[in-house]
Amino acid sequence: MILTLKQISVLLLVSLFLGSTIVWGLKEIILTEPSVLFTKAEASEGPLELIVTLDKRDYKVGEGIDLTIQIVNVGNSTIELVYGTPFVCPPIRFAVYDQEGNITYGSGTYVQATIVLSYNKTLEPNHILGIVKLWKQTSMDGEQVAPGEYFITTEIIPNALYVYGYINGTRTSYGAIYIKTPSITVTISN
């Protein structure tokens, strides 16, 4: 669901009056900075949380948009992330949609491949594995997109990341983890 700033303001006032919290997507937002509502999205499954942040909401035409993507171990025990080729970093992709809901750009398209080499990454409780991805404001054809509002979502590619934990010293599988964040709105202007 996409809300206008006015709708968010009304929700904020109602929640403050009723003493309640606002749930945005799959995760509660702490309403300390209004800009966070536009530049951060979070979602979680099992012991993992996927967080994507942008440094701002408004960009000039042609300005690169860096997405800082973090995988956080929110569990209370060490976990092991296992993923294989063709990925050399955790299998994360992002997609950009226009106002009509059409995909404008997508990164990290998953191509079925034989896993030749697997990568393992250990993540302690409350530790973060982070990467930065760049959207150059281009379409899938490499053309500059028109000024306007765009919506960015981030996800762990389905069936590409397996998570294992250790319970009483025994390796336990959480299985394949799939997480998709709510969208973040960005505005591109001249």
N, C-alpha and C. Protein backbone atom coordinates (compact mmCIF):
# COMPACT_ATOMS: atom_id res chain seq x y z
N MET A 1 0.84 -1.16 0.00
CA MET A 1 0.00 0.00 0.00
C MET A 1 0.89 1.23 0.00
N ILE A 2 0.56 2.20 -0.83
CA ILE A 2 1.32 3.44 -0.92
C ILE A 2 0.47 4.54 -0.31
N LEU A 3 1.04 5.24 0.65
CA LEU A 3 0.34 6.31 1.34
C LEU A 3 0.94 7.65 0.99
N THR A 4 0.10 8.68 0.94
CA THR A 4 0.60 10.03 0.74
C THR A 4 1.14 10.56 2.05
N LEU A 5 1.90 11.66 1.99
CA LEU A 5 2.43 12.27 3.20
C LEU A 5 1.30 12.70 4.13
N LYS A 6 0.20 13.20 3.56
CA LYS A 6 -0.95 13.60 4.37
C LYS A 6 -1.55 12.39 5.10
N GLN A 7 -1.70 11.26 4.40
CA GLN A 7 -2.24 10.05 5.03
C GLN A 7 -1.32 9.56 6.14
N ILE A 8 -0.01 9.63 5.91
CA ILE A 8 0.94 9.22 6.94
C ILE A 8 0.84 10.13 8.15
N SER A 9 0.69 11.43 7.91
CA SER A 9 0.55 12.39 9.02
C SER A 9 -0.69 12.08 9.85
N VAL A 10 -1.80 11.77 9.17
CA VAL A 10 -3.03 11.42 9.88
C VAL A 10 -2.83 10.14 10.70
N LEU A 11 -2.18 9.12 10.11
CA LEU A 11 -1.90 7.88 10.84
C LEU A 11 -1.04 8.16 12.07
N LEU A 12 -0.05 9.01 11.89
CA LEU A 12 0.84 9.35 12.99
C LEU A 12 0.07 10.02 14.12
N LEU A 13 -0.79 11.00 13.77
CA LEU A 13 -1.57 11.68 14.79
C LEU A 13 -2.52 10.73 15.50
N VAL A 14 -3.19 9.86 14.75
CA VAL A 14 -4.11 8.88 15.34
C VAL A 14 -3.36 7.93 16.26
N SER A 15 -2.18 7.46 15.81
CA SER A 15 -1.43 6.52 16.65
C SER A 15 -0.92 7.19 17.91
N LEU A 16 -0.52 8.46 17.81
CA LEU A 16 -0.07 9.17 19.01
C LEU A 16 -1.23 9.39 19.97
N PHE A 17 -2.42 9.71 19.42
CA PHE A 17 -3.60 9.94 20.25
C PHE A 17 -4.04 8.65 20.94
N LEU A 18 -4.01 7.54 20.20
CA LEU A 18 -4.45 6.26 20.76
C LEU A 18 -3.34 5.52 21.51
N GLY A 19 -2.12 6.03 21.41
CA GLY A 19 -1.00 5.37 22.08
C GLY A 19 -0.60 4.06 21.41
N SER A 20 -0.86 3.94 20.12
CA SER A 20 -0.54 2.71 19.41
C SER A 20 0.67 2.92 18.51
N THR A 21 1.07 1.86 17.85
CA THR A 21 2.19 1.94 16.91
C THR A 21 1.66 1.69 15.51
N ILE A 22 2.43 2.09 14.55
CA ILE A 22 2.06 1.88 13.15
C ILE A 22 2.87 0.72 12.61
N VAL A 23 2.21 -0.20 11.95
CA VAL A 23 2.92 -1.30 11.30
C VAL A 23 2.94 -1.01 9.82
N TRP A 24 4.13 -1.00 9.25
CA TRP A 24 4.34 -0.68 7.84
C TRP A 24 4.88 -1.92 7.16
N GLY A 25 4.13 -2.50 6.27
CA GLY A 25 4.59 -3.72 5.62
C GLY A 25 4.67 -4.83 6.65
N LEU A 26 5.84 -5.43 6.79
CA LEU A 26 6.02 -6.54 7.72
C LEU A 26 6.69 -6.12 9.02
N LYS A 27 7.07 -4.86 9.14
CA LYS A 27 7.88 -4.45 10.27
C LYS A 27 7.38 -3.15 10.84
N GLU A 28 7.46 -2.98 12.14
CA GLU A 28 7.05 -1.75 12.80
C GLU A 28 8.09 -0.67 12.53
N ILE A 29 7.61 0.52 12.24
CA ILE A 29 8.52 1.64 12.02
C ILE A 29 8.56 2.49 13.28
N ILE A 30 9.76 2.89 13.66
CA ILE A 30 9.91 3.80 14.79
C ILE A 30 9.82 5.19 14.21
N LEU A 31 8.83 5.94 14.64
CA LEU A 31 8.54 7.23 14.02
C LEU A 31 9.30 8.37 14.70
N THR A 32 10.60 8.34 14.62
CA THR A 32 11.40 9.41 15.19
C THR A 32 11.84 10.40 14.13
N GLU A 33 12.01 9.95 12.89
CA GLU A 33 12.39 10.82 11.79
C GLU A 33 11.42 10.60 10.64
N PRO A 34 10.65 11.63 10.26
CA PRO A 34 9.70 11.46 9.15
C PRO A 34 10.37 10.97 7.86
N SER A 35 11.64 11.36 7.61
CA SER A 35 12.30 10.94 6.37
C SER A 35 12.49 9.43 6.31
N VAL A 36 12.54 8.76 7.46
CA VAL A 36 12.71 7.31 7.49
C VAL A 36 11.56 6.62 6.78
N LEU A 37 10.38 7.23 6.82
CA LEU A 37 9.22 6.63 6.18
C LEU A 37 9.42 6.49 4.68
N PHE A 38 10.29 7.31 4.10
CA PHE A 38 10.50 7.27 2.66
C PHE A 38 11.80 6.61 2.25
N THR A 39 12.76 6.48 3.16
CA THR A 39 14.08 6.05 2.75
C THR A 39 14.53 4.73 3.36
N LYS A 40 13.64 4.02 4.03
CA LYS A 40 14.03 2.76 4.66
C LYS A 40 12.87 1.77 4.59
N ALA A 41 13.19 0.52 4.27
CA ALA A 41 12.19 -0.54 4.27
C ALA A 41 12.80 -1.79 4.89
N GLU A 42 12.02 -2.52 5.66
CA GLU A 42 12.50 -3.71 6.36
C GLU A 42 11.49 -4.84 6.23
N ALA A 43 12.00 -6.07 6.23
CA ALA A 43 11.15 -7.26 6.27
C ALA A 43 11.99 -8.37 6.88
N SER A 44 11.33 -9.38 7.45
CA SER A 44 12.09 -10.46 8.07
C SER A 44 11.41 -11.81 7.88
N GLU A 45 12.24 -12.85 7.99
CA GLU A 45 11.77 -14.23 8.00
C GLU A 45 12.78 -15.03 8.80
N GLY A 46 12.29 -15.87 9.68
CA GLY A 46 13.19 -16.67 10.51
C GLY A 46 14.16 -15.77 11.25
N PRO A 47 15.43 -16.12 11.26
CA PRO A 47 16.41 -15.32 12.00
C PRO A 47 16.98 -14.15 11.21
N LEU A 48 16.47 -13.92 9.99
CA LEU A 48 17.04 -12.87 9.14
C LEU A 48 16.10 -11.69 8.97
N GLU A 49 16.71 -10.51 8.90
CA GLU A 49 15.99 -9.30 8.56
C GLU A 49 16.70 -8.68 7.37
N LEU A 50 15.92 -8.23 6.38
CA LEU A 50 16.45 -7.57 5.20
C LEU A 50 16.07 -6.10 5.31
N ILE A 51 17.07 -5.23 5.23
CA ILE A 51 16.85 -3.79 5.36
C ILE A 51 17.46 -3.11 4.14
N VAL A 52 16.71 -2.21 3.54
CA VAL A 52 17.24 -1.39 2.44
C VAL A 52 17.04 0.07 2.82
N THR A 53 18.10 0.87 2.63
CA THR A 53 18.01 2.30 2.92
C THR A 53 18.59 3.10 1.76
N LEU A 54 18.04 4.28 1.60
CA LEU A 54 18.54 5.26 0.64
C LEU A 54 18.97 6.48 1.44
N ASP A 55 19.89 7.27 0.90
CA ASP A 55 20.33 8.44 1.64
C ASP A 55 19.36 9.60 1.57
N LYS A 56 18.42 9.57 0.62
CA LYS A 56 17.41 10.62 0.50
C LYS A 56 16.27 10.12 -0.36
N ARG A 57 15.23 10.93 -0.49
CA ARG A 57 14.04 10.56 -1.26
C ARG A 57 14.04 11.19 -2.64
N ASP A 58 14.59 12.40 -2.77
CA ASP A 58 14.53 13.15 -4.02
C ASP A 58 15.89 13.17 -4.71
N TYR A 59 15.86 12.91 -6.02
CA TYR A 59 17.07 12.84 -6.83
C TYR A 59 16.89 13.66 -8.09
N LYS A 60 17.99 14.19 -8.60
CA LYS A 60 17.99 14.90 -9.88
C LYS A 60 18.16 13.86 -11.00
N VAL A 61 17.67 14.21 -12.19
CA VAL A 61 17.82 13.33 -13.35
C VAL A 61 19.30 12.99 -13.54
N GLY A 62 19.59 11.71 -13.71
CA GLY A 62 20.95 11.25 -13.95
C GLY A 62 21.78 10.98 -12.71
N GLU A 63 21.27 11.35 -11.55
CA GLU A 63 22.00 11.13 -10.29
C GLU A 63 21.88 9.67 -9.87
N GLY A 64 23.00 9.04 -9.56
CA GLY A 64 22.98 7.64 -9.13
C GLY A 64 22.25 7.47 -7.80
N ILE A 65 21.53 6.38 -7.68
CA ILE A 65 20.80 6.07 -6.44
C ILE A 65 21.43 4.83 -5.83
N ASP A 66 22.12 5.01 -4.70
CA ASP A 66 22.75 3.90 -3.99
C ASP A 66 21.74 3.28 -3.02
N LEU A 67 21.56 1.98 -3.13
CA LEU A 67 20.73 1.24 -2.19
C LEU A 67 21.68 0.51 -1.25
N THR A 68 21.62 0.83 0.02
CA THR A 68 22.40 0.11 1.02
C THR A 68 21.52 -1.02 1.52
N ILE A 69 21.97 -2.24 1.30
CA ILE A 69 21.17 -3.42 1.63
C ILE A 69 21.89 -4.20 2.72
N GLN A 70 21.16 -4.52 3.78
CA GLN A 70 21.75 -5.23 4.91
C GLN A 70 20.95 -6.48 5.22
N ILE A 71 21.67 -7.55 5.48
CA ILE A 71 21.07 -8.78 6.03
C ILE A 71 21.53 -8.84 7.47
N VAL A 72 20.58 -8.89 8.39
CA VAL A 72 20.89 -8.85 9.83
C VAL A 72 20.44 -10.16 10.47
N ASN A 73 21.29 -10.74 11.30
CA ASN A 73 20.90 -11.90 12.09
C ASN A 73 20.17 -11.36 13.32
N VAL A 74 18.85 -11.44 13.33
CA VAL A 74 18.05 -10.96 14.46
C VAL A 74 17.76 -12.08 15.47
N GLY A 75 18.28 -13.26 15.20
CA GLY A 75 18.12 -14.38 16.13
C GLY A 75 19.10 -14.26 17.28
N ASN A 76 19.05 -15.22 18.19
CA ASN A 76 19.95 -15.18 19.34
C ASN A 76 21.04 -16.25 19.28
N SER A 77 21.26 -16.81 18.08
CA SER A 77 22.37 -17.75 17.91
C SER A 77 23.04 -17.52 16.55
N THR A 78 24.24 -18.01 16.42
CA THR A 78 24.99 -17.89 15.17
C THR A 78 24.29 -18.65 14.06
N ILE A 79 24.27 -18.06 12.87
CA ILE A 79 23.68 -18.73 11.72
C ILE A 79 24.72 -18.81 10.60
N GLU A 80 24.47 -19.70 9.67
CA GLU A 80 25.34 -19.87 8.51
C GLU A 80 24.50 -19.64 7.26
N LEU A 81 24.95 -18.71 6.41
CA LEU A 81 24.28 -18.44 5.14
C LEU A 81 25.00 -19.24 4.07
N VAL A 82 24.27 -19.98 3.28
CA VAL A 82 24.87 -20.80 2.24
C VAL A 82 24.21 -20.45 0.91
N TYR A 83 25.03 -20.08 -0.06
CA TYR A 83 24.55 -19.76 -1.40
C TYR A 83 25.62 -20.18 -2.38
N GLY A 84 25.23 -20.40 -3.62
CA GLY A 84 26.20 -20.93 -4.58
C GLY A 84 26.30 -20.11 -5.84
N THR A 85 27.23 -20.53 -6.70
CA THR A 85 27.37 -19.85 -7.98
C THR A 85 26.03 -19.96 -8.70
N PRO A 86 25.64 -18.98 -9.45
CA PRO A 86 26.44 -17.90 -10.00
C PRO A 86 26.62 -16.70 -9.09
N PHE A 87 26.28 -16.79 -7.82
CA PHE A 87 26.37 -15.65 -6.91
C PHE A 87 27.69 -15.68 -6.15
N VAL A 88 28.40 -14.55 -6.15
CA VAL A 88 29.62 -14.46 -5.35
C VAL A 88 29.38 -13.61 -4.11
N CYS A 89 28.22 -12.99 -4.02
CA CYS A 89 27.80 -12.30 -2.80
C CYS A 89 26.37 -12.78 -2.54
N PRO A 90 25.80 -12.49 -1.38
CA PRO A 90 24.45 -12.98 -1.11
C PRO A 90 23.49 -12.65 -2.25
N PRO A 91 22.62 -13.58 -2.60
CA PRO A 91 21.73 -13.43 -3.76
C PRO A 91 20.60 -12.44 -3.50
N ILE A 92 20.89 -11.17 -3.73
CA ILE A 92 19.91 -10.11 -3.49
C ILE A 92 19.69 -9.37 -4.80
N ARG A 93 18.45 -9.01 -5.06
CA ARG A 93 18.16 -8.21 -6.24
C ARG A 93 17.18 -7.11 -5.85
N PHE A 94 17.12 -6.09 -6.70
CA PHE A 94 16.13 -5.04 -6.49
C PHE A 94 15.39 -4.79 -7.79
N ALA A 95 14.19 -4.23 -7.66
CA ALA A 95 13.38 -3.90 -8.83
C ALA A 95 12.83 -2.50 -8.64
N VAL A 96 12.69 -1.79 -9.76
CA VAL A 96 12.15 -0.43 -9.76
C VAL A 96 10.87 -0.45 -10.59
N TYR A 97 9.79 0.10 -10.03
CA TYR A 97 8.50 0.15 -10.70
C TYR A 97 8.08 1.59 -10.92
N ASP A 98 7.37 1.83 -12.03
CA ASP A 98 6.84 3.17 -12.28
C ASP A 98 5.49 3.32 -11.58
N GLN A 99 4.84 4.46 -11.78
CA GLN A 99 3.57 4.74 -11.09
C GLN A 99 2.44 3.82 -11.52
N GLU A 100 2.56 3.21 -12.68
CA GLU A 100 1.53 2.28 -13.14
C GLU A 100 1.79 0.84 -12.68
N GLY A 101 2.90 0.63 -11.98
CA GLY A 101 3.23 -0.71 -11.49
C GLY A 101 4.04 -1.53 -12.47
N ASN A 102 4.48 -0.93 -13.58
CA ASN A 102 5.30 -1.63 -14.56
C ASN A 102 6.75 -1.65 -14.10
N ILE A 103 7.41 -2.77 -14.31
CA ILE A 103 8.82 -2.85 -13.92
C ILE A 103 9.64 -1.99 -14.88
N THR A 104 10.43 -1.10 -14.29
CA THR A 104 11.27 -0.19 -15.06
C THR A 104 12.68 -0.75 -15.15
N TYR A 105 13.15 -1.32 -14.04
CA TYR A 105 14.51 -1.84 -13.98
C TYR A 105 14.55 -2.96 -12.96
N GLY A 106 15.36 -3.98 -13.23
CA GLY A 106 15.56 -5.06 -12.28
C GLY A 106 17.01 -5.48 -12.29
N SER A 107 17.56 -5.74 -11.12
CA SER A 107 18.95 -6.20 -11.04
C SER A 107 18.98 -7.61 -10.49
N GLY A 108 20.03 -8.34 -10.82
CA GLY A 108 20.22 -9.67 -10.23
C GLY A 108 19.21 -10.69 -10.68
N THR A 109 18.80 -10.64 -11.93
CA THR A 109 17.84 -11.62 -12.44
C THR A 109 18.43 -13.02 -12.26
N TYR A 110 17.64 -13.90 -11.68
CA TYR A 110 18.12 -15.24 -11.38
C TYR A 110 18.05 -16.12 -12.61
N VAL A 111 19.17 -16.64 -12.99
CA VAL A 111 19.25 -17.58 -14.11
C VAL A 111 19.56 -18.95 -13.51
N GLN A 112 18.75 -19.94 -13.86
CA GLN A 112 18.99 -21.29 -13.34
C GLN A 112 20.37 -21.76 -13.77
N ALA A 113 21.16 -22.20 -12.83
CA ALA A 113 22.52 -22.63 -13.16
C ALA A 113 22.91 -23.77 -12.24
N THR A 114 23.86 -24.56 -12.70
CA THR A 114 24.38 -25.63 -11.87
C THR A 114 25.29 -25.02 -10.81
N ILE A 115 25.10 -25.38 -9.57
CA ILE A 115 25.94 -24.85 -8.50
C ILE A 115 27.24 -25.64 -8.49
N VAL A 116 28.30 -24.93 -8.85
CA VAL A 116 29.61 -25.56 -8.92
C VAL A 116 30.37 -25.35 -7.62
N LEU A 117 30.18 -24.19 -7.03
CA LEU A 117 30.92 -23.82 -5.84
C LEU A 117 29.94 -23.16 -4.89
N SER A 118 29.97 -23.53 -3.63
CA SER A 118 29.06 -22.87 -2.69
C SER A 118 29.87 -21.98 -1.75
N TYR A 119 29.22 -20.92 -1.31
CA TYR A 119 29.82 -19.96 -0.40
C TYR A 119 29.09 -20.06 0.94
N ASN A 120 29.84 -20.00 2.01
CA ASN A 120 29.27 -20.02 3.35
C ASN A 120 29.70 -18.76 4.07
N LYS A 121 28.77 -18.13 4.74
CA LYS A 121 29.07 -16.94 5.52
C LYS A 121 28.44 -17.11 6.89
N THR A 122 29.25 -17.02 7.94
CA THR A 122 28.74 -17.13 9.30
C THR A 122 28.35 -15.74 9.78
N LEU A 123 27.21 -15.66 10.44
CA LEU A 123 26.71 -14.39 10.94
C LEU A 123 26.31 -14.55 12.41
N GLU A 124 27.02 -13.86 13.27
CA GLU A 124 26.74 -13.89 14.71
C GLU A 124 25.44 -13.13 14.99
N PRO A 125 24.82 -13.34 16.16
CA PRO A 125 23.61 -12.58 16.51
C PRO A 125 23.87 -11.07 16.44
N ASN A 126 22.92 -10.34 15.89
CA ASN A 126 22.96 -8.89 15.74
C ASN A 126 24.06 -8.39 14.81
N HIS A 127 24.71 -9.27 14.07
CA HIS A 127 25.72 -8.85 13.10
C HIS A 127 25.05 -8.62 11.75
N ILE A 128 25.71 -7.79 10.94
CA ILE A 128 25.14 -7.33 9.68
C ILE A 128 26.07 -7.69 8.52
N LEU A 129 25.47 -8.17 7.45
CA LEU A 129 26.17 -8.38 6.19
C LEU A 129 25.59 -7.35 5.23
N GLY A 130 26.40 -6.42 4.76
CA GLY A 130 25.87 -5.33 3.95
C GLY A 130 26.51 -5.23 2.58
N ILE A 131 25.73 -4.77 1.62
CA ILE A 131 26.22 -4.50 0.28
C ILE A 131 25.55 -3.23 -0.21
N VAL A 132 26.14 -2.62 -1.23
CA VAL A 132 25.54 -1.43 -1.86
C VAL A 132 25.31 -1.75 -3.33
N LYS A 133 24.10 -1.46 -3.79
CA LYS A 133 23.77 -1.64 -5.20
C LYS A 133 23.40 -0.26 -5.76
N LEU A 134 23.73 -0.04 -7.02
CA LEU A 134 23.51 1.25 -7.66
C LEU A 134 22.46 1.13 -8.74
N TRP A 135 21.48 2.07 -8.72
CA TRP A 135 20.56 2.23 -9.84
C TRP A 135 20.93 3.54 -10.51
N LYS A 136 21.27 3.49 -11.76
CA LYS A 136 21.72 4.67 -12.51
C LYS A 136 20.55 5.42 -13.15
N GLN A 137 19.33 5.16 -12.67
CA GLN A 137 18.11 5.77 -13.21
C GLN A 137 17.90 5.40 -14.67
N THR A 138 18.25 4.16 -15.00
CA THR A 138 18.04 3.70 -16.37
C THR A 138 16.96 2.64 -16.41
N SER A 139 16.38 2.49 -17.59
CA SER A 139 15.39 1.45 -17.81
C SER A 139 16.13 0.15 -18.12
N MET A 140 15.38 -0.90 -18.36
CA MET A 140 15.98 -2.19 -18.72
C MET A 140 16.75 -2.08 -20.04
N ASP A 141 16.38 -1.10 -20.88
CA ASP A 141 17.06 -0.89 -22.17
C ASP A 141 18.27 0.03 -22.05
N GLY A 142 18.55 0.50 -20.83
CA GLY A 142 19.70 1.38 -20.63
C GLY A 142 19.41 2.85 -20.87
N GLU A 143 18.16 3.20 -21.12
CA GLU A 143 17.77 4.60 -21.36
C GLU A 143 17.47 5.30 -20.03
N GLN A 144 17.74 6.60 -19.97
CA GLN A 144 17.40 7.40 -18.80
C GLN A 144 15.89 7.37 -18.60
N VAL A 145 15.43 7.13 -17.38
CA VAL A 145 13.99 7.14 -17.10
C VAL A 145 13.50 8.58 -17.03
N ALA A 146 12.22 8.76 -17.25
CA ALA A 146 11.62 10.09 -17.21
C ALA A 146 11.49 10.56 -15.76
N PRO A 147 11.47 11.86 -15.54
CA PRO A 147 11.22 12.36 -14.18
C PRO A 147 9.87 11.83 -13.68
N GLY A 148 9.76 11.65 -12.37
CA GLY A 148 8.53 11.16 -11.77
C GLY A 148 8.81 10.35 -10.52
N GLU A 149 7.77 9.70 -10.01
CA GLU A 149 7.92 8.85 -8.82
C GLU A 149 8.16 7.41 -9.24
N TYR A 150 9.06 6.75 -8.50
CA TYR A 150 9.37 5.34 -8.74
C TYR A 150 9.37 4.62 -7.40
N PHE A 151 9.16 3.32 -7.44
CA PHE A 151 9.05 2.51 -6.24
C PHE A 151 10.09 1.39 -6.33
N ILE A 152 10.93 1.29 -5.29
CA ILE A 152 12.02 0.31 -5.28
C ILE A 152 11.75 -0.75 -4.23
N THR A 153 11.82 -2.02 -4.65
CA THR A 153 11.72 -3.13 -3.70
C THR A 153 13.01 -3.94 -3.78
N THR A 154 13.33 -4.60 -2.69
CA THR A 154 14.52 -5.44 -2.61
C THR A 154 14.10 -6.81 -2.10
N GLU A 155 14.75 -7.85 -2.62
CA GLU A 155 14.42 -9.19 -2.15
C GLU A 155 15.63 -10.11 -2.19
N ILE A 156 15.57 -11.11 -1.32
CA ILE A 156 16.52 -12.21 -1.43
C ILE A 156 15.92 -13.14 -2.48
N ILE A 157 16.71 -13.49 -3.47
CA ILE A 157 16.22 -14.28 -4.60
C ILE A 157 15.68 -15.63 -4.10
N PRO A 158 14.44 -15.98 -4.49
CA PRO A 158 13.84 -17.23 -4.02
C PRO A 158 14.72 -18.46 -4.31
N ASN A 159 14.78 -19.35 -3.35
CA ASN A 159 15.51 -20.63 -3.45
C ASN A 159 17.00 -20.48 -3.73
N ALA A 160 17.59 -19.35 -3.35
CA ALA A 160 19.01 -19.14 -3.61
C ALA A 160 19.82 -18.97 -2.33
N LEU A 161 19.17 -18.77 -1.19
CA LEU A 161 19.88 -18.59 0.07
C LEU A 161 19.31 -19.57 1.10
N TYR A 162 20.20 -20.38 1.65
CA TYR A 162 19.80 -21.34 2.67
C TYR A 162 20.43 -20.92 3.99
N VAL A 163 19.68 -21.08 5.06
CA VAL A 163 20.15 -20.64 6.37
C VAL A 163 20.15 -21.83 7.33
N TYR A 164 21.26 -21.95 8.04
CA TYR A 164 21.42 -23.01 9.04
C TYR A 164 21.75 -22.35 10.37
N GLY A 165 21.20 -22.90 11.43
CA GLY A 165 21.50 -22.42 12.77
C GLY A 165 22.06 -23.56 13.59
N TYR A 166 22.50 -23.23 14.77
CA TYR A 166 23.06 -24.23 15.67
C TYR A 166 22.29 -24.19 16.98
N ILE A 167 21.60 -25.27 17.26
CA ILE A 167 20.84 -25.39 18.50
C ILE A 167 21.48 -26.49 19.32
N ASN A 168 21.98 -26.14 20.49
CA ASN A 168 22.70 -27.07 21.37
C ASN A 168 23.82 -27.78 20.62
N GLY A 169 24.52 -27.04 19.77
CA GLY A 169 25.66 -27.59 19.04
C GLY A 169 25.30 -28.40 17.82
N THR A 170 24.01 -28.56 17.52
CA THR A 170 23.57 -29.34 16.37
C THR A 170 23.14 -28.40 15.25
N ARG A 171 23.66 -28.65 14.05
CA ARG A 171 23.30 -27.84 12.89
C ARG A 171 21.85 -28.11 12.52
N THR A 172 21.06 -27.03 12.42
CA THR A 172 19.64 -27.13 12.11
C THR A 172 19.34 -26.24 10.91
N SER A 173 18.52 -26.71 9.99
CA SER A 173 18.21 -25.95 8.78
C SER A 173 16.95 -25.12 8.95
N TYR A 174 17.04 -23.85 8.58
CA TYR A 174 15.84 -23.01 8.45
C TYR A 174 15.31 -23.13 7.03
N GLY A 175 16.10 -23.77 6.16
CA GLY A 175 15.71 -23.95 4.77
C GLY A 175 15.99 -22.73 3.93
N ALA A 176 15.37 -22.70 2.75
CA ALA A 176 15.53 -21.56 1.85
C ALA A 176 14.74 -20.38 2.42
N ILE A 177 15.39 -19.25 2.48
CA ILE A 177 14.75 -18.05 3.02
C ILE A 177 14.41 -17.11 1.88
N TYR A 178 13.18 -16.59 1.90
CA TYR A 178 12.76 -15.59 0.92
C TYR A 178 12.23 -14.40 1.69
N ILE A 179 12.79 -13.24 1.41
CA ILE A 179 12.34 -12.01 2.06
C ILE A 179 12.23 -10.94 0.99
N LYS A 180 11.15 -10.17 1.03
CA LYS A 180 10.96 -9.04 0.12
C LYS A 180 10.52 -7.84 0.95
N THR A 181 11.21 -6.71 0.74
CA THR A 181 10.87 -5.50 1.49
C THR A 181 9.69 -4.77 0.86
N PRO A 182 8.98 -3.98 1.66
CA PRO A 182 7.99 -3.07 1.07
C PRO A 182 8.73 -2.07 0.17
N SER A 183 8.01 -1.38 -0.66
CA SER A 183 8.67 -0.46 -1.59
C SER A 183 9.03 0.87 -0.92
N ILE A 184 10.09 1.47 -1.46
CA ILE A 184 10.52 2.81 -1.07
C ILE A 184 10.22 3.72 -2.25
N THR A 185 9.64 4.86 -1.99
CA THR A 185 9.32 5.82 -3.04
C THR A 185 10.47 6.79 -3.24
N VAL A 186 10.86 6.98 -4.50
CA VAL A 186 11.85 8.00 -4.84
C VAL A 186 11.24 8.89 -5.92
N THR A 187 11.65 10.15 -5.89
CA THR A 187 11.20 11.11 -6.89
C THR A 187 12.41 11.59 -7.68
N ILE A 188 12.28 11.55 -8.99
CA ILE A 188 13.33 12.03 -9.88
C ILE A 188 12.78 13.29 -10.57
N SER A 189 13.57 14.37 -10.47
CA SER A 189 13.12 15.64 -11.07
C SER A 189 14.27 16.31 -11.82
N ASN A 190 13.91 17.24 -12.68
CA ASN A 190 14.91 18.00 -13.45
C ASN A 190 15.67 18.98 -12.56
